[in-house]
Amino acid sequence: MKFEKTFGETVKKLREEKQLPLREVAEALKIDTSMLGKIEKNNRKPTKHLIEKFAKYFNVSDKDLMIAFISDTVAYQIMNEEDFASEVLKVAEKKVKYLKNKKSNQ
């Protein structure tokens, strides 16, 4: 799965590829149609549970959808820091390794 697009755009593309209306997908996921529309427009963030439901419904990897969602969060946080966004990502990667190591040693 490509990750250039936002989580919402990814969900919309999956829905449109199957030629499904918002109403039908929302009903299958047991959410309001307007909520699905807001998710597709990136105006509403889904829960982890809902991301898992999307993955199951569209028969895609929940890991891929989680990556799409979490990467949106990171991208929105640093997108206005163009001068050092790449550096922030490198440091964040090191911090993730450090924190995982620290947690496993406790």
PDB file of N, CA and C in Angstrom:
ATOM      1  N   MET A   1       0.847  -1.184   0.000  1.00  0.00           N
ATOM      2  CA  MET A   1       0.000   0.000   0.000  1.00  0.00           C
ATOM      3  C   MET A   1       0.888   1.242   0.000  1.00  0.00           C
ATOM      4  N   LYS A   2       0.536   2.219  -0.810  1.00  0.00           N
ATOM      5  CA  LYS A   2       1.288   3.470  -0.849  1.00  0.00           C
ATOM      6  C   LYS A   2       0.819   4.377   0.278  1.00  0.00           C
ATOM      7  N   PHE A   3       1.752   5.151   0.818  1.00  0.00           N
ATOM      8  CA  PHE A   3       1.429   5.976   1.975  1.00  0.00           C
ATOM      9  C   PHE A   3       1.545   7.472   1.715  1.00  0.00           C
ATOM     10  N   GLU A   4       1.558   7.892   0.447  1.00  0.00           N
ATOM     11  CA  GLU A   4       1.664   9.323   0.176  1.00  0.00           C
ATOM     12  C   GLU A   4       0.382  10.061   0.545  1.00  0.00           C
ATOM     13  N   LYS A   5      -0.738   9.387   0.411  1.00  0.00           N
ATOM     14  CA  LYS A   5      -2.025  10.022   0.676  1.00  0.00           C
ATOM     15  C   LYS A   5      -2.354   9.949   2.163  1.00  0.00           C
ATOM     16  N   THR A   6      -3.310  10.771   2.564  1.00  0.00           N
ATOM     17  CA  THR A   6      -3.739  10.757   3.956  1.00  0.00           C
ATOM     18  C   THR A   6      -4.579   9.511   4.233  1.00  0.00           C
ATOM     19  N   PHE A   7      -4.789   9.250   5.495  1.00  0.00           N
ATOM     20  CA  PHE A   7      -5.620   8.115   5.883  1.00  0.00           C
ATOM     21  C   PHE A   7      -7.012   8.253   5.256  1.00  0.00           C
ATOM     22  N   GLY A   8      -7.600   9.434   5.368  1.00  0.00           N
ATOM     23  CA  GLY A   8      -8.935   9.663   4.824  1.00  0.00           C
ATOM     24  C   GLY A   8      -8.998   9.434   3.323  1.00  0.00           C
ATOM     25  N   GLU A   9      -7.995   9.934   2.608  1.00  0.00           N
ATOM     26  CA  GLU A   9      -7.952   9.735   1.156  1.00  0.00           C
ATOM     27  C   GLU A   9      -7.802   8.247   0.817  1.00  0.00           C
ATOM     28  N   THR A  10      -7.044   7.550   1.633  1.00  0.00           N
ATOM     29  CA  THR A  10      -6.847   6.110   1.423  1.00  0.00           C
ATOM     30  C   THR A  10      -8.169   5.366   1.586  1.00  0.00           C
ATOM     31  N   VAL A  11      -8.909   5.691   2.638  1.00  0.00           N
ATOM     32  CA  VAL A  11     -10.199   5.047   2.882  1.00  0.00           C
ATOM     33  C   VAL A  11     -11.172   5.374   1.736  1.00  0.00           C
ATOM     34  N   LYS A  12     -11.191   6.630   1.329  1.00  0.00           N
ATOM     35  CA  LYS A  12     -12.083   7.036   0.233  1.00  0.00           C
ATOM     36  C   LYS A  12     -11.741   6.272  -1.048  1.00  0.00           C
ATOM     37  N   LYS A  13     -10.455   6.134  -1.330  1.00  0.00           N
ATOM     38  CA  LYS A  13     -10.021   5.410  -2.530  1.00  0.00           C
ATOM     39  C   LYS A  13     -10.460   3.950  -2.458  1.00  0.00           C
ATOM     40  N   LEU A  14     -10.284   3.327  -1.297  1.00  0.00           N
ATOM     41  CA  LEU A  14     -10.710   1.930  -1.127  1.00  0.00           C
ATOM     42  C   LEU A  14     -12.212   1.787  -1.372  1.00  0.00           C
ATOM     43  N   ARG A  15     -12.964   2.740  -0.850  1.00  0.00           N
ATOM     44  CA  ARG A  15     -14.428   2.705  -1.014  1.00  0.00           C
ATOM     45  C   ARG A  15     -14.815   2.912  -2.477  1.00  0.00           C
ATOM     46  N   GLU A  16     -14.183   3.887  -3.115  1.00  0.00           N
ATOM     47  CA  GLU A  16     -14.521   4.191  -4.506  1.00  0.00           C
ATOM     48  C   GLU A  16     -14.085   3.073  -5.465  1.00  0.00           C
ATOM     49  N   GLU A  17     -12.976   2.411  -5.169  1.00  0.00           N
ATOM     50  CA  GLU A  17     -12.538   1.287  -5.997  1.00  0.00           C
ATOM     51  C   GLU A  17     -13.575   0.173  -6.032  1.00  0.00           C
ATOM     52  N   LYS A  18     -14.298   0.027  -4.933  1.00  0.00           N
ATOM     53  CA  LYS A  18     -15.343  -0.996  -4.859  1.00  0.00           C
ATOM     54  C   LYS A  18     -16.709  -0.430  -5.256  1.00  0.00           C
ATOM     55  N   GLN A  19     -16.703   0.848  -5.663  1.00  0.00           N
ATOM     56  CA  GLN A  19     -17.923   1.542  -6.097  1.00  0.00           C
ATOM     57  C   GLN A  19     -19.034   1.456  -5.053  1.00  0.00           C
ATOM     58  N   LEU A  20     -18.647   1.729  -3.810  1.00  0.00           N
ATOM     59  CA  LEU A  20     -19.598   1.672  -2.704  1.00  0.00           C
ATOM     60  C   LEU A  20     -19.971   3.075  -2.251  1.00  0.00           C
ATOM     61  N   PRO A  21     -21.248   3.319  -1.991  1.00  0.00           N
ATOM     62  CA  PRO A  21     -21.641   4.624  -1.458  1.00  0.00           C
ATOM     63  C   PRO A  21     -21.260   4.753   0.017  1.00  0.00           C
ATOM     64  N   LEU A  22     -21.084   5.976   0.460  1.00  0.00           N
ATOM     65  CA  LEU A  22     -20.769   6.246   1.872  1.00  0.00           C
ATOM     66  C   LEU A  22     -21.737   5.509   2.795  1.00  0.00           C
ATOM     67  N   ARG A  23     -23.019   5.617   2.478  1.00  0.00           N
ATOM     68  CA  ARG A  23     -24.072   5.046   3.315  1.00  0.00           C
ATOM     69  C   ARG A  23     -23.860   3.554   3.555  1.00  0.00           C
ATOM     70  N   GLU A  24     -23.508   2.838   2.512  1.00  0.00           N
ATOM     71  CA  GLU A  24     -23.347   1.384   2.627  1.00  0.00           C
ATOM     72  C   GLU A  24     -22.146   1.009   3.501  1.00  0.00           C
ATOM     73  N   VAL A  25     -21.045   1.708   3.310  1.00  0.00           N
ATOM     74  CA  VAL A  25     -19.842   1.433   4.107  1.00  0.00           C
ATOM     75  C   VAL A  25     -20.086   1.816   5.564  1.00  0.00           C
ATOM     76  N   ALA A  26     -20.691   2.983   5.766  1.00  0.00           N
ATOM     77  CA  ALA A  26     -20.972   3.432   7.137  1.00  0.00           C
ATOM     78  C   ALA A  26     -21.873   2.439   7.856  1.00  0.00           C
ATOM     79  N   GLU A  27     -22.881   1.958   7.164  1.00  0.00           N
ATOM     80  CA  GLU A  27     -23.802   0.982   7.755  1.00  0.00           C
ATOM     81  C   GLU A  27     -23.067  -0.313   8.128  1.00  0.00           C
ATOM     82  N   ALA A  28     -22.204  -0.774   7.249  1.00  0.00           N
ATOM     83  CA  ALA A  28     -21.451  -2.007   7.511  1.00  0.00           C
ATOM     84  C   ALA A  28     -20.509  -1.847   8.707  1.00  0.00           C
ATOM     85  N   LEU A  29     -19.974  -0.632   8.882  1.00  0.00           N
ATOM     86  CA  LEU A  29     -19.051  -0.374   9.981  1.00  0.00           C
ATOM     87  C   LEU A  29     -19.765   0.078  11.251  1.00  0.00           C
ATOM     88  N   LYS A  30     -21.077   0.248  11.140  1.00  0.00           N
ATOM     89  CA  LYS A  30     -21.908   0.692  12.261  1.00  0.00           C
ATOM     90  C   LYS A  30     -21.493   2.072  12.765  1.00  0.00           C
ATOM     91  N   ILE A  31     -21.275   2.982  11.792  1.00  0.00           N
ATOM     92  CA  ILE A  31     -20.996   4.383  12.118  1.00  0.00           C
ATOM     93  C   ILE A  31     -21.927   5.258  11.290  1.00  0.00           C
ATOM     94  N   ASP A  32     -22.044   6.508  11.682  1.00  0.00           N
ATOM     95  CA  ASP A  32     -22.873   7.457  10.965  1.00  0.00           C
ATOM     96  C   ASP A  32     -22.231   7.831   9.633  1.00  0.00           C
ATOM     97  N   THR A  33     -23.056   8.021   8.615  1.00  0.00           N
ATOM     98  CA  THR A  33     -22.555   8.390   7.286  1.00  0.00           C
ATOM     99  C   THR A  33     -21.746   9.680   7.346  1.00  0.00           C
ATOM    100  N   SER A  34     -22.221  10.647   8.123  1.00  0.00           N
ATOM    101  CA  SER A  34     -21.492  11.920   8.212  1.00  0.00           C
ATOM    102  C   SER A  34     -20.124  11.735   8.871  1.00  0.00           C
ATOM    103  N   MET A  35     -20.030  10.797   9.804  1.00  0.00           N
ATOM    104  CA  MET A  35     -18.744  10.515  10.432  1.00  0.00           C
ATOM    105  C   MET A  35     -17.763   9.946   9.405  1.00  0.00           C
ATOM    106  N   LEU A  36     -18.236   9.028   8.567  1.00  0.00           N
ATOM    107  CA  LEU A  36     -17.376   8.461   7.531  1.00  0.00           C
ATOM    108  C   LEU A  36     -16.931   9.553   6.562  1.00  0.00           C
ATOM    109  N   GLY A  37     -17.841  10.429   6.200  1.00  0.00           N
ATOM    110  CA  GLY A  37     -17.486  11.542   5.319  1.00  0.00           C
ATOM    111  C   GLY A  37     -16.421  12.430   5.931  1.00  0.00           C
ATOM    112  N   LYS A  38     -16.529  12.701   7.229  1.00  0.00           N
ATOM    113  CA  LYS A  38     -15.535  13.523   7.922  1.00  0.00           C
ATOM    114  C   LYS A  38     -14.187  12.821   7.991  1.00  0.00           C
ATOM    115  N   ILE A  39     -14.199  11.494   8.189  1.00  0.00           N
ATOM    116  CA  ILE A  39     -12.948  10.732   8.209  1.00  0.00           C
ATOM    117  C   ILE A  39     -12.286  10.816   6.837  1.00  0.00           C
ATOM    118  N   GLU A  40     -13.074  10.638   5.782  1.00  0.00           N
ATOM    119  CA  GLU A  40     -12.525  10.695   4.428  1.00  0.00           C
ATOM    120  C   GLU A  40     -11.961  12.076   4.089  1.00  0.00           C
ATOM    121  N   LYS A  41     -12.514  13.126   4.705  1.00  0.00           N
ATOM    122  CA  LYS A  41     -12.026  14.494   4.469  1.00  0.00           C
ATOM    123  C   LYS A  41     -10.960  14.901   5.492  1.00  0.00           C
ATOM    124  N   ASN A  42     -10.566  13.960   6.334  1.00  0.00           N
ATOM    125  CA  ASN A  42      -9.560  14.191   7.376  1.00  0.00           C
ATOM    126  C   ASN A  42     -10.000  15.233   8.406  1.00  0.00           C
ATOM    127  N   ASN A  43     -11.300  15.329   8.622  1.00  0.00           N
ATOM    128  CA  ASN A  43     -11.844  16.237   9.631  1.00  0.00           C
ATOM    129  C   ASN A  43     -12.174  15.515  10.927  1.00  0.00           C
ATOM    130  N   ARG A  44     -12.036  14.207  10.911  1.00  0.00           N
ATOM    131  CA  ARG A  44     -12.321  13.389  12.090  1.00  0.00           C
ATOM    132  C   ARG A  44     -11.324  12.248  12.136  1.00  0.00           C
ATOM    133  N   LYS A  45     -10.803  11.967  13.313  1.00  0.00           N
ATOM    134  CA  LYS A  45      -9.835  10.881  13.468  1.00  0.00           C
ATOM    135  C   LYS A  45     -10.541   9.613  13.928  1.00  0.00           C
ATOM    136  N   PRO A  46     -10.233   8.498  13.292  1.00  0.00           N
ATOM    137  CA  PRO A  46     -10.843   7.235  13.710  1.00  0.00           C
ATOM    138  C   PRO A  46     -10.131   6.660  14.933  1.00  0.00           C
ATOM    139  N   THR A  47     -10.832   5.805  15.639  1.00  0.00           N
ATOM    140  CA  THR A  47     -10.212   5.076  16.745  1.00  0.00           C
ATOM    141  C   THR A  47      -9.430   3.907  16.170  1.00  0.00           C
ATOM    142  N   LYS A  48      -8.592   3.318  16.982  1.00  0.00           N
ATOM    143  CA  LYS A  48      -7.844   2.136  16.547  1.00  0.00           C
ATOM    144  C   LYS A  48      -8.814   1.010  16.183  1.00  0.00           C
ATOM    145  N   HIS A  49      -9.848   0.868  16.981  1.00  0.00           N
ATOM    146  CA  HIS A  49     -10.860  -0.169  16.714  1.00  0.00           C
ATOM    147  C   HIS A  49     -11.519   0.056  15.355  1.00  0.00           C
ATOM    148  N   LEU A  50     -11.829   1.306  15.030  1.00  0.00           N
ATOM    149  CA  LEU A  50     -12.457   1.603  13.752  1.00  0.00           C
ATOM    150  C   LEU A  50     -11.489   1.359  12.595  1.00  0.00           C
ATOM    151  N   ILE A  51     -10.222   1.662  12.790  1.00  0.00           N
ATOM    152  CA  ILE A  51      -9.218   1.384  11.758  1.00  0.00           C
ATOM    153  C   ILE A  51      -9.174  -0.122  11.483  1.00  0.00           C
ATOM    154  N   GLU A  52      -9.246  -0.916  12.524  1.00  0.00           N
ATOM    155  CA  GLU A  52      -9.272  -2.378  12.360  1.00  0.00           C
ATOM    156  C   GLU A  52     -10.522  -2.821  11.594  1.00  0.00           C
ATOM    157  N   LYS A  53     -11.651  -2.165  11.860  1.00  0.00           N
ATOM    158  CA  LYS A  53     -12.883  -2.491  11.141  1.00  0.00           C
ATOM    159  C   LYS A  53     -12.772  -2.125   9.656  1.00  0.00           C
ATOM    160  N   PHE A  54     -12.159  -0.977   9.366  1.00  0.00           N
ATOM    161  CA  PHE A  54     -11.918  -0.586   7.970  1.00  0.00           C
ATOM    162  C   PHE A  54     -11.080  -1.658   7.274  1.00  0.00           C
ATOM    163  N   ALA A  55     -10.008  -2.071   7.924  1.00  0.00           N
ATOM    164  CA  ALA A  55      -9.096  -3.059   7.336  1.00  0.00           C
ATOM    165  C   ALA A  55      -9.832  -4.363   7.022  1.00  0.00           C
ATOM    166  N   LYS A  56     -10.611  -4.823   7.964  1.00  0.00           N
ATOM    167  CA  LYS A  56     -11.352  -6.060   7.759  1.00  0.00           C
ATOM    168  C   LYS A  56     -12.374  -5.898   6.634  1.00  0.00           C
ATOM    169  N   TYR A  57     -13.098  -4.797   6.647  1.00  0.00           N
ATOM    170  CA  TYR A  57     -14.141  -4.563   5.649  1.00  0.00           C
ATOM    171  C   TYR A  57     -13.563  -4.500   4.236  1.00  0.00           C
ATOM    172  N   PHE A  58     -12.438  -3.789   4.084  1.00  0.00           N
ATOM    173  CA  PHE A  58     -11.837  -3.627   2.759  1.00  0.00           C
ATOM    174  C   PHE A  58     -10.806  -4.708   2.440  1.00  0.00           C
ATOM    175  N   ASN A  59     -10.625  -5.633   3.368  1.00  0.00           N
ATOM    176  CA  ASN A  59      -9.690  -6.738   3.184  1.00  0.00           C
ATOM    177  C   ASN A  59      -8.272  -6.244   2.879  1.00  0.00           C
ATOM    178  N   VAL A  60      -7.812  -5.321   3.719  1.00  0.00           N
ATOM    179  CA  VAL A  60      -6.449  -4.806   3.624  1.00  0.00           C
ATOM    180  C   VAL A  60      -5.787  -4.969   4.987  1.00  0.00           C
ATOM    181  N   SER A  61      -4.502  -4.785   5.024  1.00  0.00           N
ATOM    182  CA  SER A  61      -3.741  -4.939   6.259  1.00  0.00           C
ATOM    183  C   SER A  61      -4.080  -3.832   7.263  1.00  0.00           C
ATOM    184  N   ASP A  62      -4.433  -4.240   8.494  1.00  0.00           N
ATOM    185  CA  ASP A  62      -4.673  -3.219   9.514  1.00  0.00           C
ATOM    186  C   ASP A  62      -3.376  -2.491   9.852  1.00  0.00           C
ATOM    187  N   LYS A  63      -2.249  -3.178   9.709  1.00  0.00           N
ATOM    188  CA  LYS A  63      -0.951  -2.534   9.921  1.00  0.00           C
ATOM    189  C   LYS A  63      -0.751  -1.390   8.921  1.00  0.00           C
ATOM    190  N   ASP A  64      -1.084  -1.636   7.654  1.00  0.00           N
ATOM    191  CA  ASP A  64      -0.947  -0.593   6.637  1.00  0.00           C
ATOM    192  C   ASP A  64      -1.827   0.609   6.939  1.00  0.00           C
ATOM    193  N   LEU A  65      -3.062   0.351   7.357  1.00  0.00           N
ATOM    194  CA  LEU A  65      -3.951   1.472   7.684  1.00  0.00           C
ATOM    195  C   LEU A  65      -3.474   2.214   8.934  1.00  0.00           C
ATOM    196  N   MET A  66      -2.929   1.490   9.906  1.00  0.00           N
ATOM    197  CA  MET A  66      -2.384   2.156  11.098  1.00  0.00           C
ATOM    198  C   MET A  66      -1.184   3.019  10.719  1.00  0.00           C
ATOM    199  N   ILE A  67      -0.331   2.519   9.832  1.00  0.00           N
ATOM    200  CA  ILE A  67       0.818   3.299   9.372  1.00  0.00           C
ATOM    201  C   ILE A  67       0.327   4.567   8.679  1.00  0.00           C
ATOM    202  N   ALA A  68      -0.672   4.439   7.833  1.00  0.00           N
ATOM    203  CA  ALA A  68      -1.231   5.608   7.141  1.00  0.00           C
ATOM    204  C   ALA A  68      -1.758   6.621   8.156  1.00  0.00           C
ATOM    205  N   PHE A  69      -2.468   6.143   9.169  1.00  0.00           N
ATOM    206  CA  PHE A  69      -3.048   7.027  10.175  1.00  0.00           C
ATOM    207  C   PHE A  69      -1.973   7.699  11.040  1.00  0.00           C
ATOM    208  N   ILE A  70      -1.063   6.912  11.571  1.00  0.00           N
ATOM    209  CA  ILE A  70      -0.035   7.463  12.465  1.00  0.00           C
ATOM    210  C   ILE A  70       0.901   8.394  11.709  1.00  0.00           C
ATOM    211  N   SER A  71       1.226   8.052  10.469  1.00  0.00           N
ATOM    212  CA  SER A  71       2.104   8.927   9.692  1.00  0.00           C
ATOM    213  C   SER A  71       1.432  10.272   9.408  1.00  0.00           C
ATOM    214  N   ASP A  72       0.096  10.286   9.279  1.00  0.00           N
ATOM    215  CA  ASP A  72      -0.626  11.562   9.148  1.00  0.00           C
ATOM    216  C   ASP A  72      -0.369  12.428  10.377  1.00  0.00           C
ATOM    217  N   THR A  73      -0.494  11.815  11.540  1.00  0.00           N
ATOM    218  CA  THR A  73      -0.307  12.547  12.796  1.00  0.00           C
ATOM    219  C   THR A  73       1.080  13.167  12.859  1.00  0.00           C
ATOM    220  N   VAL A  74       2.090  12.382  12.512  1.00  0.00           N
ATOM    221  CA  VAL A  74       3.467  12.875  12.529  1.00  0.00           C
ATOM    222  C   VAL A  74       3.645  13.980  11.487  1.00  0.00           C
ATOM    223  N   ALA A  75       3.143  13.743  10.275  1.00  0.00           N
ATOM    224  CA  ALA A  75       3.301  14.719   9.191  1.00  0.00           C
ATOM    225  C   ALA A  75       2.658  16.054   9.551  1.00  0.00           C
ATOM    226  N   TYR A  76       1.450  16.028  10.118  1.00  0.00           N
ATOM    227  CA  TYR A  76       0.788  17.275  10.506  1.00  0.00           C
ATOM    228  C   TYR A  76       1.571  18.013  11.592  1.00  0.00           C
ATOM    229  N   GLN A  77       2.216  17.263  12.478  1.00  0.00           N
ATOM    230  CA  GLN A  77       3.000  17.873  13.552  1.00  0.00           C
ATOM    231  C   GLN A  77       4.217  18.619  13.029  1.00  0.00           C
ATOM    232  N   ILE A  78       4.863  18.088  11.994  1.00  0.00           N
ATOM    233  CA  ILE A  78       6.134  18.670  11.566  1.00  0.00           C
ATOM    234  C   ILE A  78       6.085  19.399  10.220  1.00  0.00           C
ATOM    235  N   MET A  79       4.940  19.399   9.535  1.00  0.00           N
ATOM    236  CA  MET A  79       4.925  19.931   8.175  1.00  0.00           C
ATOM    237  C   MET A  79       5.258  21.420   8.090  1.00  0.00           C
ATOM    238  N   ASN A  80       5.068  22.157   9.142  1.00  0.00           N
ATOM    239  CA  ASN A  80       5.408  23.585   9.106  1.00  0.00           C
ATOM    240  C   ASN A  80       6.857  23.850   9.503  1.00  0.00           C
ATOM    241  N   GLU A  81       7.587  22.806   9.805  1.00  0.00           N
ATOM    242  CA  GLU A  81       8.992  22.914  10.183  1.00  0.00           C
ATOM    243  C   GLU A  81       9.868  22.437   9.044  1.00  0.00           C
ATOM    244  N   GLU A  82       9.654  22.985   7.864  1.00  0.00           N
ATOM    245  CA  GLU A  82      10.324  22.522   6.650  1.00  0.00           C
ATOM    246  C   GLU A  82      11.845  22.521   6.753  1.00  0.00           C
ATOM    247  N   ASP A  83      12.401  23.455   7.503  1.00  0.00           N
ATOM    248  CA  ASP A  83      13.854  23.564   7.581  1.00  0.00           C
ATOM    249  C   ASP A  83      14.506  22.366   8.260  1.00  0.00           C
ATOM    250  N   PHE A  84      13.773  21.700   9.151  1.00  0.00           N
ATOM    251  CA  PHE A  84      14.397  20.593   9.871  1.00  0.00           C
ATOM    252  C   PHE A  84      13.476  19.396  10.076  1.00  0.00           C
ATOM    253  N   ALA A  85      12.465  19.246   9.228  1.00  0.00           N
ATOM    254  CA  ALA A  85      11.525  18.126   9.353  1.00  0.00           C
ATOM    255  C   ALA A  85      12.235  16.778   9.220  1.00  0.00           C
ATOM    256  N   SER A  86      13.156  16.663   8.280  1.00  0.00           N
ATOM    257  CA  SER A  86      13.879  15.397   8.097  1.00  0.00           C
ATOM    258  C   SER A  86      14.702  15.054   9.327  1.00  0.00           C
ATOM    259  N   GLU A  87      15.299  16.050   9.910  1.00  0.00           N
ATOM    260  CA  GLU A  87      16.103  15.831  11.118  1.00  0.00           C
ATOM    261  C   GLU A  87      15.218  15.365  12.273  1.00  0.00           C
ATOM    262  N   VAL A  88      14.037  15.960  12.386  1.00  0.00           N
ATOM    263  CA  VAL A  88      13.088  15.560  13.429  1.00  0.00           C
ATOM    264  C   VAL A  88      12.714  14.085  13.264  1.00  0.00           C
ATOM    265  N   LEU A  89      12.472  13.655  12.034  1.00  0.00           N
ATOM    266  CA  LEU A  89      12.115  12.255  11.788  1.00  0.00           C
ATOM    267  C   LEU A  89      13.247  11.311  12.162  1.00  0.00           C
ATOM    268  N   LYS A  90      14.482  11.704  11.869  1.00  0.00           N
ATOM    269  CA  LYS A  90      15.630  10.858  12.221  1.00  0.00           C
ATOM    270  C   LYS A  90      15.771  10.738  13.734  1.00  0.00           C
ATOM    271  N   VAL A  91      15.617  11.860  14.420  1.00  0.00           N
ATOM    272  CA  VAL A  91      15.727  11.850  15.884  1.00  0.00           C
ATOM    273  C   VAL A  91      14.577  11.032  16.485  1.00  0.00           C
ATOM    274  N   ALA A  92      13.389  11.192  15.931  1.00  0.00           N
ATOM    275  CA  ALA A  92      12.231  10.444  16.429  1.00  0.00           C
ATOM    276  C   ALA A  92      12.438   8.938  16.279  1.00  0.00           C
ATOM    277  N   GLU A  93      13.021   8.536  15.164  1.00  0.00           N
ATOM    278  CA  GLU A  93      13.298   7.113  14.951  1.00  0.00           C
ATOM    279  C   GLU A  93      14.258   6.584  16.018  1.00  0.00           C
ATOM    280  N   LYS A  94      15.279   7.363  16.331  1.00  0.00           N
ATOM    281  CA  LYS A  94      16.232   6.965  17.378  1.00  0.00           C
ATOM    282  C   LYS A  94      15.553   6.917  18.740  1.00  0.00           C
ATOM    283  N   LYS A  95      14.662   7.879  18.989  1.00  0.00           N
ATOM    284  CA  LYS A  95      13.965   7.908  20.275  1.00  0.00           C
ATOM    285  C   LYS A  95      13.035   6.718  20.437  1.00  0.00           C
ATOM    286  N   VAL A  96      12.398   6.301  19.360  1.00  0.00           N
ATOM    287  CA  VAL A  96      11.524   5.123  19.422  1.00  0.00           C
ATOM    288  C   VAL A  96      12.346   3.904  19.828  1.00  0.00           C
ATOM    289  N   LYS A  97      13.502   3.736  19.219  1.00  0.00           N
ATOM    290  CA  LYS A  97      14.381   2.610  19.568  1.00  0.00           C
ATOM    291  C   LYS A  97      14.819   2.709  21.027  1.00  0.00           C
ATOM    292  N   TYR A  98      15.203   3.904  21.450  1.00  0.00           N
ATOM    293  CA  TYR A  98      15.631   4.118  22.831  1.00  0.00           C
ATOM    294  C   TYR A  98      14.503   3.784  23.810  1.00  0.00           C
ATOM    295  N   LEU A  99      13.312   4.304  23.537  1.00  0.00           N
ATOM    296  CA  LEU A  99      12.182   4.087  24.456  1.00  0.00           C
ATOM    297  C   LEU A  99      11.770   2.623  24.502  1.00  0.00           C
ATOM    298  N   LYS A 100      11.805   1.946  23.367  1.00  0.00           N
ATOM    299  CA  LYS A 100      11.493   0.507  23.358  1.00  0.00           C
ATOM    300  C   LYS A 100      12.501  -0.271  24.187  1.00  0.00           C
ATOM    301  N   ASN A 101      13.770   0.070  24.020  1.00  0.00           N
ATOM    302  CA  ASN A 101      14.838  -0.590  24.761  1.00  0.00           C
ATOM    303  C   ASN A 101      14.683  -0.323  26.262  1.00  0.00           C
ATOM    304  N   LYS A 102      14.410   0.918  26.592  1.00  0.00           N
ATOM    305  CA  LYS A 102      14.229   1.303  27.990  1.00  0.00           C
ATOM    306  C   LYS A 102      13.048   0.547  28.610  1.00  0.00           C
ATOM    307  N   LYS A 103      11.964   0.438  27.848  1.00  0.00           N
ATOM    308  CA  LYS A 103      10.770  -0.244  28.344  1.00  0.00           C
ATOM    309  C   LYS A 103      11.038  -1.734  28.556  1.00  0.00           C
ATOM    310  N   SER A 104      11.772  -2.351  27.633  1.00  0.00           N
ATOM    311  CA  SER A 104      12.047  -3.792  27.758  1.00  0.00           C
ATOM    312  C   SER A 104      13.016  -4.100  28.895  1.00  0.00           C
ATOM    313  N   ASN A 105      13.792  -3.108  29.342  1.00  0.00           N
ATOM    314  CA  ASN A 105      14.744  -3.315  30.435  1.00  0.00           C
ATOM    315  C   ASN A 105      14.131  -3.041  31.802  1.00  0.00           C
ATOM    316  N   GLN A 106      12.887  -2.655  31.846  1.00  0.00           N
ATOM    317  CA  GLN A 106      12.257  -2.355  33.141  1.00  0.00           C
ATOM    318  C   GLN A 106      11.650  -3.577  33.766  1.00  0.00           C
TER     319      GLN A 106
END
